[in-house]
Amino acid sequence: MKDLRKDLTETWRVATRAPVDNGGRMIMFMSALEGEGTSSVAASFAMLAAQRARKGVWLVDLNLMGGRLFKAFDRGGEFVDTYGQVGPAHNAETAGSSFFSISPPPPPPPAGQKKDAGLFVMHRVGDTKLLVSRFRKERLEASAQVRIKTGEDYWKAVREIADWIIVDAPALEASPAGLAICAQMDATALVVRADKTPATEVSRLGQEIEGHGGTCMGVVLNATKFDARIADEISG
């Protein structure tokens, strides 16, 4: 994972102009194909937002079973030298709601056991206003199925807590998770490797997002000889 903050000036400008529903601003980054660098873009954008935030920035890894974002900020991760260690876990299932379902449901804790932070948690990164998510998949049975829910309750609650909510969605070819919640976002930016991704794939992703009620903010061109930048229109 790479720190791309210096390359995202134009992306920041466009994102701050996106209409906001209510409360904090909610932006999702998503790609058509795997290996486009979406996590690097999302993490870097969240770090930019944290430099300007008043209440805080939530960086949410929608690939719950992967956990790559948390690892980048945890001990030995790519961003630890810059920001320091992550802090303790805090429950992120606001007001008892969540954006995922688990089948079969995990068993309740044994009677008398002190309640902990839960399955989906946030960790503050060093002394910054950035919080990164972690899903404690090790607590689930091997046969458990985790699905992203489409409802708005969770996301409305989070808007009241943070200035920015940045969502890193899995590539469409790997999972439709991003499509399930794109309607709850203020905008979705499409991450594209200009030297790799066919324009037809980018166009199809944009159509899928809009078909599911989302709004495409534009295209972040990543891994080019130029700076990562945002295009106002999807070509192809």
C-alpha atoms as a PDB file:
ATOM      1  CA  MET A   1       0.000   0.000   0.000  1.00  0.00           C
ATOM      2  CA  LYS A   2       1.329   3.453  -0.919  1.00  0.00           C
ATOM      3  CA  ASP A   3       0.888   6.965   0.448  1.00  0.00           C
ATOM      4  CA  LEU A   4      -0.646   8.894  -2.469  1.00  0.00           C
ATOM      5  CA  ARG A   5      -1.662  12.056  -0.618  1.00  0.00           C
ATOM      6  CA  LYS A   6       0.430  14.366  -2.769  1.00  0.00           C
ATOM      7  CA  ASP A   7      -1.277  12.993  -5.876  1.00  0.00           C
ATOM      8  CA  LEU A   8      -4.872  13.474  -4.706  1.00  0.00           C
ATOM      9  CA  THR A   9      -5.204  17.255  -4.669  1.00  0.00           C
ATOM     10  CA  GLU A  10      -7.728  17.321  -7.483  1.00  0.00           C
ATOM     11  CA  THR A  11      -9.611  14.351  -6.057  1.00  0.00           C
ATOM     12  CA  TRP A  12      -9.941  16.258  -2.784  1.00  0.00           C
ATOM     13  CA  ARG A  13     -11.233  19.340  -4.583  1.00  0.00           C
ATOM     14  CA  VAL A  14     -13.930  17.391  -6.408  1.00  0.00           C
ATOM     15  CA  ALA A  15     -14.934  15.380  -3.324  1.00  0.00           C
ATOM     16  CA  THR A  16     -15.446  18.473  -1.180  1.00  0.00           C
ATOM     17  CA  ARG A  17     -17.910  19.800  -3.755  1.00  0.00           C
ATOM     18  CA  ALA A  18     -20.065  16.666  -3.749  1.00  0.00           C
ATOM     19  CA  PRO A  19     -23.544  17.356  -2.294  1.00  0.00           C
ATOM     20  CA  VAL A  20     -23.930  16.034   1.252  1.00  0.00           C
ATOM     21  CA  ASP A  21     -27.071  14.320   2.530  1.00  0.00           C
ATOM     22  CA  ASN A  22     -26.765  15.368   6.187  1.00  0.00           C
ATOM     23  CA  GLY A  23     -23.913  15.421   8.680  1.00  0.00           C
ATOM     24  CA  GLY A  24     -20.523  14.019   7.693  1.00  0.00           C
ATOM     25  CA  ARG A  25     -19.483  13.539   4.085  1.00  0.00           C
ATOM     26  CA  MET A  26     -19.467   9.946   2.844  1.00  0.00           C
ATOM     27  CA  ILE A  27     -17.281   8.915  -0.119  1.00  0.00           C
ATOM     28  CA  MET A  28     -16.639   5.398  -1.421  1.00  0.00           C
ATOM     29  CA  PHE A  29     -13.712   4.278  -3.584  1.00  0.00           C
ATOM     30  CA  MET A  30     -14.254   1.270  -5.825  1.00  0.00           C
ATOM     31  CA  SER A  31     -12.699  -0.377  -8.873  1.00  0.00           C
ATOM     32  CA  ALA A  32     -13.894  -2.731 -11.568  1.00  0.00           C
ATOM     33  CA  LEU A  33     -10.905  -5.082 -11.353  1.00  0.00           C
ATOM     34  CA  GLU A  34      -8.617  -6.205  -8.546  1.00  0.00           C
ATOM     35  CA  GLY A  35      -5.139  -4.723  -8.297  1.00  0.00           C
ATOM     36  CA  GLU A  36      -6.143  -1.150  -9.186  1.00  0.00           C
ATOM     37  CA  GLY A  37      -4.750   0.341  -5.955  1.00  0.00           C
ATOM     38  CA  THR A  38      -8.119   1.258  -4.441  1.00  0.00           C
ATOM     39  CA  SER A  39      -6.986   0.697  -0.851  1.00  0.00           C
ATOM     40  CA  SER A  40      -3.983   2.978  -1.319  1.00  0.00           C
ATOM     41  CA  VAL A  41      -6.214   5.707  -2.737  1.00  0.00           C
ATOM     42  CA  ALA A  42      -8.862   5.343  -0.012  1.00  0.00           C
ATOM     43  CA  ALA A  43      -6.328   5.305   2.836  1.00  0.00           C
ATOM     44  CA  SER A  44      -4.429   8.268   1.416  1.00  0.00           C
ATOM     45  CA  PHE A  45      -7.616  10.265   0.926  1.00  0.00           C
ATOM     46  CA  ALA A  46      -8.683   9.485   4.502  1.00  0.00           C
ATOM     47  CA  MET A  47      -5.309  10.692   5.778  1.00  0.00           C
ATOM     48  CA  LEU A  48      -5.801  13.950   3.876  1.00  0.00           C
ATOM     49  CA  ALA A  49      -9.256  14.354   5.389  1.00  0.00           C
ATOM     50  CA  ALA A  50      -7.915  13.677   8.899  1.00  0.00           C
ATOM     51  CA  GLN A  51      -5.552  16.645   8.584  1.00  0.00           C
ATOM     52  CA  ARG A  52      -8.579  18.922   8.212  1.00  0.00           C
ATOM     53  CA  ALA A  53     -11.235  17.133  10.284  1.00  0.00           C
ATOM     54  CA  ARG A  54     -12.796  18.557  13.425  1.00  0.00           C
ATOM     55  CA  LYS A  55     -14.632  15.499  14.787  1.00  0.00           C
ATOM     56  CA  GLY A  56     -12.808  12.696  13.004  1.00  0.00           C
ATOM     57  CA  VAL A  57     -12.551  10.501   9.924  1.00  0.00           C
ATOM     58  CA  TRP A  58     -13.742   6.904   9.709  1.00  0.00           C
ATOM     59  CA  LEU A  59     -11.886   4.704   7.221  1.00  0.00           C
ATOM     60  CA  VAL A  60     -14.101   1.676   6.632  1.00  0.00           C
ATOM     61  CA  ASP A  61     -12.818  -1.497   4.988  1.00  0.00           C
ATOM     62  CA  LEU A  62     -15.829  -3.054   3.250  1.00  0.00           C
ATOM     63  CA  ASN A  63     -13.851  -6.215   2.594  1.00  0.00           C
ATOM     64  CA  LEU A  64     -14.674  -7.461   6.081  1.00  0.00           C
ATOM     65  CA  MET A  65     -12.903 -10.790   5.745  1.00  0.00           C
ATOM     66  CA  GLY A  66      -9.763  -9.243   4.299  1.00  0.00           C
ATOM     67  CA  GLY A  67      -8.642  -6.638   6.829  1.00  0.00           C
ATOM     68  CA  ARG A  68      -5.878  -5.158   4.709  1.00  0.00           C
ATOM     69  CA  LEU A  69      -6.525  -1.549   5.720  1.00  0.00           C
ATOM     70  CA  PHE A  70      -6.119  -2.209   9.427  1.00  0.00           C
ATOM     71  CA  LYS A  71      -2.920  -4.153   8.807  1.00  0.00           C
ATOM     72  CA  ALA A  72      -1.447  -1.152   6.984  1.00  0.00           C
ATOM     73  CA  PHE A  73      -1.757   0.941  10.161  1.00  0.00           C
ATOM     74  CA  ASP A  74      -1.017  -1.830  12.663  1.00  0.00           C
ATOM     75  CA  ARG A  75       2.400  -2.920  13.895  1.00  0.00           C
ATOM     76  CA  GLY A  76       4.688  -3.570  10.931  1.00  0.00           C
ATOM     77  CA  GLY A  77       2.284  -1.955   8.459  1.00  0.00           C
ATOM     78  CA  GLU A  78       3.157   0.505   5.712  1.00  0.00           C
ATOM     79  CA  PHE A  79       1.901   3.608   7.548  1.00  0.00           C
ATOM     80  CA  VAL A  80       3.088   2.913  11.120  1.00  0.00           C
ATOM     81  CA  ASP A  81       6.332   4.870  10.793  1.00  0.00           C
ATOM     82  CA  THR A  82       4.349   7.932   9.719  1.00  0.00           C
ATOM     83  CA  TYR A  83       1.482   7.825  12.221  1.00  0.00           C
ATOM     84  CA  GLY A  84       2.429   5.529  15.079  1.00  0.00           C
ATOM     85  CA  GLN A  85       0.571   2.579  16.556  1.00  0.00           C
ATOM     86  CA  VAL A  86      -3.193   2.155  16.476  1.00  0.00           C
ATOM     87  CA  GLY A  87      -5.074   2.574  19.739  1.00  0.00           C
ATOM     88  CA  PRO A  88      -7.513   0.228  21.493  1.00  0.00           C
ATOM     89  CA  ALA A  89     -10.670  -1.102  19.833  1.00  0.00           C
ATOM     90  CA  HIS A  90     -13.943   0.819  20.126  1.00  0.00           C
ATOM     91  CA  ASN A  91     -17.315  -0.633  19.179  1.00  0.00           C
ATOM     92  CA  ALA A  92     -18.389   0.687  15.777  1.00  0.00           C
ATOM     93  CA  GLU A  93     -21.857  -0.860  15.592  1.00  0.00           C
ATOM     94  CA  THR A  94     -23.598   2.409  16.369  1.00  0.00           C
ATOM     95  CA  ALA A  95     -26.726   2.289  18.510  1.00  0.00           C
ATOM     96  CA  GLY A  96     -26.755  -1.467  18.131  1.00  0.00           C
ATOM     97  CA  SER A  97     -27.028  -1.285  14.330  1.00  0.00           C
ATOM     98  CA  SER A  98     -24.630  -2.646  11.732  1.00  0.00           C
ATOM     99  CA  PHE A  99     -24.301  -2.743   7.955  1.00  0.00           C
ATOM    100  CA  PHE A 100     -23.740  -6.493   7.734  1.00  0.00           C
ATOM    101  CA  SER A 101     -25.474  -9.716   8.679  1.00  0.00           C
ATOM    102  CA  ILE A 102     -23.908 -12.998   9.788  1.00  0.00           C
ATOM    103  CA  SER A 103     -25.390 -16.425   9.174  1.00  0.00           C
ATOM    104  CA  PRO A 104     -25.503 -18.341  11.411  1.00  0.00           C
ATOM    105  CA  PRO A 105     -25.344 -15.558  14.030  1.00  0.00           C
ATOM    106  CA  PRO A 106     -22.330 -15.770  16.341  1.00  0.00           C
ATOM    107  CA  PRO A 107     -23.113 -17.210  19.789  1.00  0.00           C
ATOM    108  CA  PRO A 108     -23.581 -14.723  22.645  1.00  0.00           C
ATOM    109  CA  PRO A 109     -20.705 -14.339  25.129  1.00  0.00           C
ATOM    110  CA  PRO A 110     -20.801 -16.670  28.132  1.00  0.00           C
ATOM    111  CA  ALA A 111     -22.913 -15.484  31.052  1.00  0.00           C
ATOM    112  CA  GLY A 112     -20.956 -13.241  33.379  1.00  0.00           C
ATOM    113  CA  GLN A 113     -18.294 -12.387  30.792  1.00  0.00           C
ATOM    114  CA  LYS A 114     -17.575  -8.681  30.522  1.00  0.00           C
ATOM    115  CA  LYS A 115     -18.889  -7.234  27.261  1.00  0.00           C
ATOM    116  CA  ASP A 116     -16.114  -6.106  24.947  1.00  0.00           C
ATOM    117  CA  ALA A 117     -16.008  -3.870  21.879  1.00  0.00           C
ATOM    118  CA  GLY A 118     -17.733  -6.367  19.593  1.00  0.00           C
ATOM    119  CA  LEU A 119     -17.119  -7.771  16.120  1.00  0.00           C
ATOM    120  CA  PHE A 120     -16.789  -4.551  14.114  1.00  0.00           C
ATOM    121  CA  VAL A 121     -14.471  -2.027  15.743  1.00  0.00           C
ATOM    122  CA  MET A 122     -12.582   1.191  15.045  1.00  0.00           C
ATOM    123  CA  HIS A 123      -9.022   1.997  16.135  1.00  0.00           C
ATOM    124  CA  ARG A 124      -7.634   5.523  16.361  1.00  0.00           C
ATOM    125  CA  VAL A 125      -4.418   5.891  14.381  1.00  0.00           C
ATOM    126  CA  GLY A 126      -1.667   7.396  16.556  1.00  0.00           C
ATOM    127  CA  ASP A 127      -2.542  10.931  17.695  1.00  0.00           C
ATOM    128  CA  THR A 128      -4.502  11.733  14.539  1.00  0.00           C
ATOM    129  CA  LYS A 129      -8.246  12.113  13.972  1.00  0.00           C
ATOM    130  CA  LEU A 130      -8.235   9.090  11.685  1.00  0.00           C
ATOM    131  CA  LEU A 131      -9.933   5.866  12.802  1.00  0.00           C
ATOM    132  CA  VAL A 132      -9.540   2.659  10.825  1.00  0.00           C
ATOM    133  CA  SER A 133     -11.952  -0.263  10.941  1.00  0.00           C
ATOM    134  CA  ARG A 134     -11.311  -3.901  11.814  1.00  0.00           C
ATOM    135  CA  PHE A 135     -13.656  -6.873  11.592  1.00  0.00           C
ATOM    136  CA  ARG A 136     -12.843  -9.618  14.085  1.00  0.00           C
ATOM    137  CA  LYS A 137     -13.413 -12.517  11.737  1.00  0.00           C
ATOM    138  CA  GLU A 138     -11.476 -14.857  14.032  1.00  0.00           C
ATOM    139  CA  ARG A 139     -14.537 -14.904  16.295  1.00  0.00           C
ATOM    140  CA  LEU A 140     -16.734 -16.472  13.651  1.00  0.00           C
ATOM    141  CA  GLU A 141     -17.241 -20.112  12.838  1.00  0.00           C
ATOM    142  CA  ALA A 142     -15.500 -21.268   9.680  1.00  0.00           C
ATOM    143  CA  SER A 143     -18.857 -21.839   7.983  1.00  0.00           C
ATOM    144  CA  ALA A 144     -20.242 -18.362   8.790  1.00  0.00           C
ATOM    145  CA  GLN A 145     -21.478 -16.240   5.872  1.00  0.00           C
ATOM    146  CA  VAL A 146     -21.151 -12.445   6.072  1.00  0.00           C
ATOM    147  CA  ARG A 147     -23.302 -10.231   3.845  1.00  0.00           C
ATOM    148  CA  ILE A 148     -23.469  -6.455   3.416  1.00  0.00           C
ATOM    149  CA  LYS A 149     -26.933  -5.001   4.068  1.00  0.00           C
ATOM    150  CA  THR A 150     -28.498  -2.245   1.977  1.00  0.00           C
ATOM    151  CA  GLY A 151     -30.262  -0.275   4.733  1.00  0.00           C
ATOM    152  CA  GLU A 152     -29.427   3.325   5.593  1.00  0.00           C
ATOM    153  CA  ASP A 153     -29.753   3.273   9.409  1.00  0.00           C
ATOM    154  CA  TYR A 154     -26.112   2.513  10.148  1.00  0.00           C
ATOM    155  CA  TRP A 155     -24.717   5.079   7.734  1.00  0.00           C
ATOM    156  CA  LYS A 156     -27.059   7.819   8.950  1.00  0.00           C
ATOM    157  CA  ALA A 157     -25.824   7.211  12.497  1.00  0.00           C
ATOM    158  CA  VAL A 158     -22.166   7.378  11.470  1.00  0.00           C
ATOM    159  CA  ARG A 159     -22.709  10.733   9.736  1.00  0.00           C
ATOM    160  CA  GLU A 160     -23.482  12.202  13.152  1.00  0.00           C
ATOM    161  CA  ILE A 161     -20.159  10.990  14.568  1.00  0.00           C
ATOM    162  CA  ALA A 162     -17.543  11.799  11.912  1.00  0.00           C
ATOM    163  CA  ASP A 163     -16.749  14.639   9.507  1.00  0.00           C
ATOM    164  CA  TRP A 164     -15.791  12.163   6.804  1.00  0.00           C
ATOM    165  CA  ILE A 165     -16.599   8.494   6.233  1.00  0.00           C
ATOM    166  CA  ILE A 166     -14.308   6.969   3.626  1.00  0.00           C
ATOM    167  CA  VAL A 167     -15.269   3.499   2.387  1.00  0.00           C
ATOM    168  CA  ASP A 168     -12.837   1.183   0.631  1.00  0.00           C
ATOM    169  CA  ALA A 169     -14.975  -1.252  -1.380  1.00  0.00           C
ATOM    170  CA  PRO A 170     -13.795  -4.530  -2.928  1.00  0.00           C
ATOM    171  CA  ALA A 171     -13.405  -4.627  -6.705  1.00  0.00           C
ATOM    172  CA  LEU A 172     -16.635  -5.461  -8.508  1.00  0.00           C
ATOM    173  CA  GLU A 173     -15.089  -8.585 -10.039  1.00  0.00           C
ATOM    174  CA  ALA A 174     -14.465  -9.905  -6.517  1.00  0.00           C
ATOM    175  CA  SER A 175     -17.630  -8.826  -4.688  1.00  0.00           C
ATOM    176  CA  PRO A 176     -20.813  -6.766  -5.190  1.00  0.00           C
ATOM    177  CA  ALA A 177     -20.505  -5.374  -1.640  1.00  0.00           C
ATOM    178  CA  GLY A 178     -19.979  -1.805  -2.845  1.00  0.00           C
ATOM    179  CA  LEU A 179     -23.141  -1.903  -4.934  1.00  0.00           C
ATOM    180  CA  ALA A 180     -25.162  -2.824  -1.835  1.00  0.00           C
ATOM    181  CA  ILE A 181     -24.372   0.481  -0.116  1.00  0.00           C
ATOM    182  CA  CYS A 182     -23.573   2.883  -2.977  1.00  0.00           C
ATOM    183  CA  ALA A 183     -26.997   4.516  -2.634  1.00  0.00           C
ATOM    184  CA  GLN A 184     -26.056   5.546   0.926  1.00  0.00           C
ATOM    185  CA  MET A 185     -22.886   7.336  -0.219  1.00  0.00           C
ATOM    186  CA  ASP A 186     -22.711  10.986  -1.239  1.00  0.00           C
ATOM    187  CA  ALA A 187     -20.548   9.853  -4.138  1.00  0.00           C
ATOM    188  CA  THR A 188     -18.410   6.979  -5.388  1.00  0.00           C
ATOM    189  CA  ALA A 189     -15.047   7.496  -7.078  1.00  0.00           C
ATOM    190  CA  LEU A 190     -13.910   4.864  -9.570  1.00  0.00           C
ATOM    191  CA  VAL A 191     -10.255   3.884  -9.192  1.00  0.00           C
ATOM    192  CA  VAL A 192      -8.624   2.951 -12.472  1.00  0.00           C
ATOM    193  CA  ARG A 193      -5.158   1.913 -13.565  1.00  0.00           C
ATOM    194  CA  ALA A 194      -4.898   3.776 -16.830  1.00  0.00           C
ATOM    195  CA  ASP A 195      -2.272   1.363 -18.115  1.00  0.00           C
ATOM    196  CA  LYS A 196      -4.355  -1.708 -17.316  1.00  0.00           C
ATOM    197  CA  THR A 197      -8.130  -1.325 -17.155  1.00  0.00           C
ATOM    198  CA  PRO A 198     -10.238  -1.412 -20.348  1.00  0.00           C
ATOM    199  CA  ALA A 199     -12.562   1.565 -20.713  1.00  0.00           C
ATOM    200  CA  THR A 200     -15.459  -0.847 -21.134  1.00  0.00           C
ATOM    201  CA  GLU A 201     -14.911  -2.179 -17.588  1.00  0.00           C
ATOM    202  CA  VAL A 202     -14.865   1.336 -16.148  1.00  0.00           C
ATOM    203  CA  SER A 203     -18.031   2.259 -18.005  1.00  0.00           C
ATOM    204  CA  ARG A 204     -19.763  -0.917 -16.822  1.00  0.00           C
ATOM    205  CA  LEU A 205     -18.854  -0.207 -13.193  1.00  0.00           C
ATOM    206  CA  GLY A 206     -20.223   3.317 -13.475  1.00  0.00           C
ATOM    207  CA  GLN A 207     -23.467   2.001 -14.926  1.00  0.00           C
ATOM    208  CA  GLU A 208     -23.762  -0.604 -12.157  1.00  0.00           C
ATOM    209  CA  ILE A 209     -23.304   2.025  -9.452  1.00  0.00           C
ATOM    210  CA  GLU A 210     -25.861   4.368 -10.967  1.00  0.00           C
ATOM    211  CA  GLY A 211     -28.215   1.441 -11.549  1.00  0.00           C
ATOM    212  CA  HIS A 212     -28.074   0.699  -7.815  1.00  0.00           C
ATOM    213  CA  GLY A 213     -28.914   4.271  -6.872  1.00  0.00           C
ATOM    214  CA  GLY A 214     -25.384   5.603  -6.442  1.00  0.00           C
ATOM    215  CA  THR A 215     -23.650   8.696  -7.823  1.00  0.00           C
ATOM    216  CA  CYS A 216     -20.323   8.524  -9.640  1.00  0.00           C
ATOM    217  CA  MET A 217     -17.973  11.335  -8.602  1.00  0.00           C
ATOM    218  CA  GLY A 218     -15.482  10.620 -11.356  1.00  0.00           C
ATOM    219  CA  VAL A 219     -12.408   8.526 -12.066  1.00  0.00           C
ATOM    220  CA  VAL A 220      -9.158   8.472 -10.112  1.00  0.00           C
ATOM    221  CA  LEU A 221      -6.415   7.485 -12.523  1.00  0.00           C
ATOM    222  CA  ASN A 222      -3.834   5.538 -10.528  1.00  0.00           C
ATOM    223  CA  ALA A 223      -0.428   4.068 -11.401  1.00  0.00           C
ATOM    224  CA  THR A 224       0.276   6.313 -14.388  1.00  0.00           C
ATOM    225  CA  LYS A 225       3.395   8.262 -15.238  1.00  0.00           C
ATOM    226  CA  PHE A 226       1.436  11.348 -14.218  1.00  0.00           C
ATOM    227  CA  ASP A 227      -0.045  12.130 -10.798  1.00  0.00           C
ATOM    228  CA  ALA A 228      -3.089  10.209  -9.705  1.00  0.00           C
ATOM    229  CA  ARG A 229      -5.882  12.526 -10.716  1.00  0.00           C
ATOM    230  CA  ILE A 230      -9.608  12.666 -11.160  1.00  0.00           C
ATOM    231  CA  ALA A 231     -11.481  12.940 -14.410  1.00  0.00           C
ATOM    232  CA  ASP A 232     -14.841  14.665 -14.467  1.00  0.00           C
ATOM    233  CA  GLU A 233     -16.316  12.126 -16.845  1.00  0.00           C
ATOM    234  CA  ILE A 234     -16.082   8.389 -17.412  1.00  0.00           C
ATOM    235  CA  SER A 235     -14.697   7.698 -20.851  1.00  0.00           C
ATOM    236  CA  GLY A 236     -15.447   4.699 -23.002  1.00  0.00           C
END
